[in-house]
């Protein structure tokens, strides 16, 4: 999903439903070789109240594309480490929709809704 389409979707949800919570979280993972945290992307989530379905959450996960995996290992398998080389210009996008059911989020199949 493009940034423009996501913004249009968010605007539409904000216009039509009561917003309960909106947040953007960074995806940080530790590099096993350098021990530094790397920024892998972000998660933008929007919790809203649907008149018929109740509380729902729309989530977009935008993560950097893994270009290469570098495997560092010793003779013992327990010491093996994987370092990921991330792209700065290419991303993987996932959009998910959840419905609150018994205080837990249940993922809905977007293909069935369209």
N, C-alpha and C. Protein backbone atom coordinates (compact mmCIF):
# COMPACT_ATOMS: atom_id res chain seq x y z
N UNK A 1 0.84 -1.17 0.00
CA UNK A 1 0.00 0.00 0.00
C UNK A 1 0.89 1.24 0.00
N UNK A 2 0.55 2.18 -0.83
CA UNK A 2 1.34 3.42 -0.89
C UNK A 2 0.98 4.31 0.30
N UNK A 3 1.88 5.25 0.59
CA UNK A 3 1.63 6.19 1.68
C UNK A 3 0.37 7.01 1.43
N UNK A 4 0.14 7.39 0.19
CA UNK A 4 -1.03 8.19 -0.16
C UNK A 4 -2.33 7.42 0.08
N UNK A 5 -2.36 6.14 -0.31
CA UNK A 5 -3.55 5.32 -0.10
C UNK A 5 -3.80 5.10 1.39
N UNK A 6 -2.73 4.91 2.14
CA UNK A 6 -2.87 4.74 3.59
C UNK A 6 -3.45 6.00 4.23
N UNK A 7 -2.94 7.15 3.85
CA UNK A 7 -3.45 8.42 4.39
C UNK A 7 -4.93 8.61 4.04
N UNK A 8 -5.32 8.24 2.82
CA UNK A 8 -6.73 8.33 2.41
C UNK A 8 -7.60 7.39 3.25
N UNK A 9 -7.10 6.19 3.51
CA UNK A 9 -7.84 5.22 4.32
C UNK A 9 -7.99 5.73 5.75
N UNK A 10 -6.91 6.23 6.32
CA UNK A 10 -6.95 6.77 7.68
C UNK A 10 -7.93 7.95 7.77
N UNK A 11 -7.89 8.83 6.79
CA UNK A 11 -8.81 9.98 6.77
C UNK A 11 -10.26 9.53 6.72
N UNK A 12 -10.52 8.53 5.91
CA UNK A 12 -11.88 8.00 5.79
C UNK A 12 -12.36 7.39 7.11
N UNK A 13 -11.50 6.64 7.77
CA UNK A 13 -11.86 6.04 9.06
C UNK A 13 -12.11 7.13 10.10
N UNK A 14 -11.26 8.15 10.11
CA UNK A 14 -11.42 9.25 11.08
C UNK A 14 -12.71 10.04 10.85
N UNK A 15 -13.12 10.17 9.59
CA UNK A 15 -14.35 10.90 9.27
C UNK A 15 -15.61 10.12 9.64
N UNK A 16 -15.54 8.78 9.52
CA UNK A 16 -16.74 7.96 9.66
C UNK A 16 -16.92 7.26 11.00
N UNK A 17 -15.86 7.16 11.80
CA UNK A 17 -15.94 6.41 13.04
C UNK A 17 -15.31 7.19 14.19
N UNK A 18 -15.71 6.81 15.41
CA UNK A 18 -15.13 7.41 16.60
C UNK A 18 -13.76 6.77 16.86
N UNK A 19 -12.72 7.60 16.94
CA UNK A 19 -11.37 7.11 17.15
C UNK A 19 -11.13 6.94 18.66
N UNK A 20 -10.64 5.77 19.05
CA UNK A 20 -10.33 5.48 20.45
C UNK A 20 -8.85 5.72 20.72
N UNK A 21 -8.01 5.28 19.79
CA UNK A 21 -6.56 5.41 19.99
C UNK A 21 -5.86 5.38 18.64
N UNK A 22 -4.81 6.20 18.53
CA UNK A 22 -3.94 6.17 17.35
C UNK A 22 -2.51 6.25 17.83
N UNK A 23 -1.67 5.36 17.31
CA UNK A 23 -0.26 5.40 17.71
C UNK A 23 0.64 4.89 16.60
N UNK A 24 1.88 5.38 16.64
CA UNK A 24 2.92 4.94 15.72
C UNK A 24 4.08 4.45 16.57
N UNK A 25 4.48 3.20 16.33
CA UNK A 25 5.58 2.59 17.07
C UNK A 25 6.71 2.22 16.12
N UNK A 26 7.93 2.44 16.55
CA UNK A 26 9.08 2.02 15.76
C UNK A 26 9.36 0.54 15.97
N UNK A 27 9.82 -0.12 14.92
CA UNK A 27 10.25 -1.51 15.02
C UNK A 27 11.77 -1.48 15.16
N UNK A 28 12.25 -1.86 16.34
CA UNK A 28 13.68 -1.86 16.62
C UNK A 28 14.12 -3.29 16.92
N UNK A 29 15.21 -3.71 16.29
CA UNK A 29 15.77 -5.03 16.54
C UNK A 29 17.26 -4.91 16.76
N UNK A 30 17.79 -5.73 17.62
CA UNK A 30 19.21 -5.67 17.97
C UNK A 30 20.03 -6.43 16.92
N UNK A 31 21.08 -5.77 16.42
CA UNK A 31 22.02 -6.41 15.51
C UNK A 31 22.89 -7.36 16.33
N UNK A 32 22.91 -8.67 16.01
CA UNK A 32 23.65 -9.62 16.83
C UNK A 32 25.17 -9.45 16.77
N UNK A 33 25.67 -8.77 15.75
CA UNK A 33 27.12 -8.61 15.60
C UNK A 33 27.59 -7.35 16.31
N UNK A 34 26.94 -6.22 16.04
CA UNK A 34 27.37 -4.95 16.62
C UNK A 34 26.69 -4.65 17.96
N UNK A 35 25.64 -5.41 18.30
CA UNK A 35 24.87 -5.21 19.54
C UNK A 35 24.13 -3.87 19.57
N UNK A 36 24.02 -3.18 18.42
CA UNK A 36 23.29 -1.92 18.34
C UNK A 36 21.88 -2.20 17.84
N UNK A 37 20.94 -1.34 18.28
CA UNK A 37 19.58 -1.47 17.80
C UNK A 37 19.46 -0.84 16.42
N UNK A 38 18.78 -1.56 15.52
CA UNK A 38 18.55 -1.07 14.16
C UNK A 38 17.08 -0.73 14.00
N UNK A 39 16.81 0.32 13.24
CA UNK A 39 15.44 0.71 12.94
C UNK A 39 14.98 -0.08 11.72
N UNK A 40 14.01 -0.98 11.92
CA UNK A 40 13.52 -1.83 10.83
C UNK A 40 12.29 -1.26 10.16
N UNK A 41 11.61 -0.32 10.79
CA UNK A 41 10.39 0.23 10.21
C UNK A 41 9.50 0.75 11.32
N UNK A 42 8.16 0.74 11.06
CA UNK A 42 7.21 1.23 12.05
C UNK A 42 5.86 0.56 11.89
N UNK A 43 5.06 0.69 12.95
CA UNK A 43 3.69 0.18 12.95
C UNK A 43 2.76 1.35 13.29
N UNK A 44 1.82 1.61 12.39
CA UNK A 44 0.82 2.67 12.60
C UNK A 44 -0.50 1.97 12.87
N UNK A 45 -1.05 2.17 14.05
CA UNK A 45 -2.32 1.51 14.36
C UNK A 45 -3.38 2.54 14.77
N UNK A 46 -4.61 2.19 14.43
CA UNK A 46 -5.75 3.07 14.68
C UNK A 46 -6.87 2.20 15.23
N UNK A 47 -7.25 2.45 16.47
CA UNK A 47 -8.36 1.73 17.10
C UNK A 47 -9.59 2.62 17.01
N UNK A 48 -10.69 2.06 16.52
CA UNK A 48 -11.91 2.85 16.32
C UNK A 48 -13.13 2.03 16.69
N UNK A 49 -14.24 2.72 16.87
CA UNK A 49 -15.50 2.08 17.25
C UNK A 49 -16.42 2.01 16.04
N UNK A 50 -16.71 0.79 15.61
CA UNK A 50 -17.63 0.55 14.49
C UNK A 50 -19.02 0.34 15.07
N UNK A 51 -20.06 1.00 14.50
CA UNK A 51 -21.40 0.91 15.10
C UNK A 51 -21.96 -0.52 15.17
N UNK A 52 -21.67 -1.36 14.20
CA UNK A 52 -22.22 -2.73 14.19
C UNK A 52 -21.23 -3.76 14.73
N UNK A 53 -19.94 -3.58 14.45
CA UNK A 53 -18.94 -4.59 14.80
C UNK A 53 -18.26 -4.35 16.14
N UNK A 54 -18.41 -3.16 16.69
CA UNK A 54 -17.76 -2.85 17.95
C UNK A 54 -16.35 -2.29 17.74
N UNK A 55 -15.47 -2.56 18.69
CA UNK A 55 -14.11 -2.03 18.65
C UNK A 55 -13.27 -2.77 17.60
N UNK A 56 -12.62 -1.99 16.74
CA UNK A 56 -11.79 -2.57 15.67
C UNK A 56 -10.45 -1.84 15.63
N UNK A 57 -9.45 -2.53 15.07
CA UNK A 57 -8.12 -1.94 14.95
C UNK A 57 -7.60 -2.14 13.53
N UNK A 58 -7.17 -1.04 12.92
CA UNK A 58 -6.56 -1.05 11.60
C UNK A 58 -5.07 -0.82 11.80
N UNK A 59 -4.25 -1.65 11.18
CA UNK A 59 -2.81 -1.59 11.43
C UNK A 59 -2.03 -1.71 10.13
N UNK A 60 -1.04 -0.84 9.98
CA UNK A 60 -0.13 -0.91 8.84
C UNK A 60 1.28 -1.12 9.37
N UNK A 61 1.92 -2.17 8.88
CA UNK A 61 3.30 -2.47 9.25
C UNK A 61 4.17 -2.17 8.03
N UNK A 62 5.07 -1.23 8.17
CA UNK A 62 5.98 -0.86 7.09
C UNK A 62 7.39 -1.18 7.57
N UNK A 63 8.00 -2.16 6.90
CA UNK A 63 9.28 -2.68 7.35
C UNK A 63 10.28 -2.67 6.19
N UNK A 64 11.54 -2.38 6.52
CA UNK A 64 12.58 -2.37 5.50
C UNK A 64 12.77 -3.77 4.92
N UNK A 65 13.03 -3.82 3.63
CA UNK A 65 13.26 -5.07 2.92
C UNK A 65 14.64 -5.63 3.30
N UNK A 66 14.71 -6.92 3.56
CA UNK A 66 15.99 -7.58 3.85
C UNK A 66 16.65 -7.89 2.52
N UNK A 67 17.80 -7.25 2.27
CA UNK A 67 18.53 -7.47 1.02
C UNK A 67 19.43 -8.70 1.09
N UNK A 68 19.98 -8.94 2.28
CA UNK A 68 20.97 -10.01 2.40
C UNK A 68 21.02 -10.50 3.84
N UNK A 69 21.28 -11.79 3.99
CA UNK A 69 21.53 -12.38 5.30
C UNK A 69 22.98 -12.82 5.36
N UNK A 70 23.68 -12.39 6.38
CA UNK A 70 25.06 -12.81 6.57
C UNK A 70 25.10 -13.74 7.78
N UNK A 71 25.61 -14.94 7.57
CA UNK A 71 25.67 -15.93 8.64
C UNK A 71 27.09 -15.99 9.19
N UNK A 72 27.21 -15.78 10.49
CA UNK A 72 28.49 -15.88 11.18
C UNK A 72 28.37 -17.06 12.13
N UNK A 73 29.26 -18.02 11.98
CA UNK A 73 29.16 -19.19 12.85
C UNK A 73 30.55 -19.71 13.21
N UNK A 74 30.54 -20.45 14.29
CA UNK A 74 31.74 -21.13 14.75
C UNK A 74 31.48 -22.62 14.62
N UNK A 75 32.38 -23.40 15.06
CA UNK A 75 32.19 -24.85 14.94
C UNK A 75 30.99 -25.34 15.74
N UNK A 76 30.68 -24.64 16.80
CA UNK A 76 29.50 -25.01 17.60
C UNK A 76 28.28 -24.26 17.06
N UNK A 77 27.22 -24.96 16.82
CA UNK A 77 26.02 -24.34 16.24
C UNK A 77 25.42 -23.28 17.16
N UNK A 78 25.59 -23.43 18.46
CA UNK A 78 24.97 -22.49 19.39
C UNK A 78 25.54 -21.08 19.26
N UNK A 79 26.69 -20.95 18.64
CA UNK A 79 27.31 -19.64 18.49
C UNK A 79 26.97 -18.96 17.17
N UNK A 80 26.14 -19.58 16.35
CA UNK A 80 25.81 -19.00 15.05
C UNK A 80 24.99 -17.72 15.22
N UNK A 81 25.32 -16.70 14.42
CA UNK A 81 24.60 -15.43 14.44
C UNK A 81 24.26 -15.02 13.01
N UNK A 82 23.10 -14.38 12.85
CA UNK A 82 22.68 -13.91 11.53
C UNK A 82 22.58 -12.39 11.58
N UNK A 83 23.24 -11.75 10.62
CA UNK A 83 23.15 -10.30 10.48
C UNK A 83 22.36 -10.01 9.21
N UNK A 84 21.42 -9.09 9.30
CA UNK A 84 20.59 -8.74 8.15
C UNK A 84 21.04 -7.41 7.58
N UNK A 85 21.17 -7.36 6.24
CA UNK A 85 21.47 -6.11 5.54
C UNK A 85 20.14 -5.60 5.02
N UNK A 86 19.75 -4.42 5.48
CA UNK A 86 18.45 -3.85 5.15
C UNK A 86 18.54 -2.80 4.07
N UNK A 87 17.51 -2.72 3.26
CA UNK A 87 17.43 -1.70 2.22
C UNK A 87 16.94 -0.39 2.85
N UNK A 88 17.50 0.72 2.40
CA UNK A 88 17.03 2.03 2.88
C UNK A 88 15.92 2.59 2.00
N UNK A 89 15.72 2.01 0.81
CA UNK A 89 14.74 2.57 -0.11
C UNK A 89 13.56 1.64 -0.41
N UNK A 90 13.67 0.34 -0.10
CA UNK A 90 12.61 -0.61 -0.39
C UNK A 90 11.97 -1.09 0.91
N UNK A 91 10.62 -1.18 0.90
CA UNK A 91 9.89 -1.56 2.10
C UNK A 91 8.88 -2.65 1.80
N UNK A 92 8.51 -3.38 2.84
CA UNK A 92 7.43 -4.35 2.78
C UNK A 92 6.28 -3.75 3.56
N UNK A 93 5.10 -3.78 2.97
CA UNK A 93 3.91 -3.20 3.60
C UNK A 93 2.89 -4.29 3.90
N UNK A 94 2.35 -4.28 5.10
CA UNK A 94 1.26 -5.18 5.46
C UNK A 94 0.17 -4.36 6.13
N UNK A 95 -1.07 -4.59 5.73
CA UNK A 95 -2.21 -3.93 6.36
C UNK A 95 -3.08 -5.03 6.96
N UNK A 96 -3.43 -4.85 8.24
CA UNK A 96 -4.24 -5.85 8.94
C UNK A 96 -5.41 -5.15 9.62
N UNK A 97 -6.51 -5.89 9.71
CA UNK A 97 -7.70 -5.40 10.40
C UNK A 97 -8.06 -6.40 11.48
N UNK A 98 -8.31 -5.89 12.68
CA UNK A 98 -8.64 -6.73 13.82
C UNK A 98 -9.99 -6.32 14.40
N UNK A 99 -10.64 -7.29 15.03
CA UNK A 99 -11.89 -7.05 15.73
C UNK A 99 -11.69 -7.52 17.17
N UNK A 100 -12.12 -6.71 18.12
CA UNK A 100 -11.99 -7.10 19.54
C UNK A 100 -13.05 -8.15 19.85
N UNK A 101 -12.56 -9.28 20.36
CA UNK A 101 -13.45 -10.38 20.73
C UNK A 101 -13.00 -10.92 22.08
N UNK A 102 -13.84 -10.75 23.09
CA UNK A 102 -13.52 -11.21 24.45
C UNK A 102 -12.18 -10.67 24.94
N UNK A 103 -11.98 -9.40 24.83
CA UNK A 103 -10.79 -8.66 25.27
C UNK A 103 -9.50 -9.04 24.53
N UNK A 104 -9.61 -9.76 23.41
CA UNK A 104 -8.44 -10.07 22.58
C UNK A 104 -8.72 -9.64 21.14
N UNK A 105 -7.65 -9.34 20.41
CA UNK A 105 -7.79 -8.93 19.01
C UNK A 105 -7.78 -10.16 18.12
N UNK A 106 -8.82 -10.27 17.29
CA UNK A 106 -8.93 -11.37 16.32
C UNK A 106 -8.73 -10.79 14.93
N UNK A 107 -7.75 -11.31 14.20
CA UNK A 107 -7.46 -10.78 12.86
C UNK A 107 -8.54 -11.22 11.88
N UNK A 108 -9.00 -10.28 11.08
CA UNK A 108 -10.00 -10.55 10.04
C UNK A 108 -9.30 -10.70 8.70
N UNK A 109 -9.86 -11.52 7.84
CA UNK A 109 -9.31 -11.73 6.51
C UNK A 109 -9.81 -10.59 5.62
N UNK A 110 -8.90 -9.72 5.17
CA UNK A 110 -9.28 -8.57 4.35
C UNK A 110 -9.84 -8.97 3.00
N UNK A 111 -9.40 -10.09 2.46
CA UNK A 111 -9.89 -10.55 1.14
C UNK A 111 -11.37 -10.91 1.20
N UNK A 112 -11.83 -11.42 2.34
CA UNK A 112 -13.24 -11.76 2.47
C UNK A 112 -14.13 -10.53 2.57
N UNK A 113 -13.56 -9.42 3.06
CA UNK A 113 -14.34 -8.20 3.24
C UNK A 113 -14.54 -7.42 1.95
N UNK A 114 -13.66 -7.63 0.98
CA UNK A 114 -13.71 -6.85 -0.26
C UNK A 114 -14.68 -7.45 -1.24
